[in-house]
């Protein structure tokens, strides 16, 4: 909304309407699926969660690409921050 109260209120109304419609559809579909099989609503919810996870993850990787492995990422971070990278489990503070 960037500080515009009219835009904020418009977004809030749209979100509440979408939530009400989604809740109504979920209630109707859940009831109908339960009449088909008592486990069907739970299987459908689990399947939808997996689909959303895959779509979200694919979108994240499409936007940012696959990240570096942890060693490369830590080396870049240490170089950027000007830190000396120590490759051991024990740190200097815990050795004393």
Foldseek 3Di string as FASTA:
>chain_A
DVPDVVVVVVVVVVVVVVVVVVVVVLVVVQVVLCVVPVCRSVVVVVVVVVVVVVVVVVVVCVVVNDDDPPVVVVVVVCVVVVHDDDPDPDDPVNVD
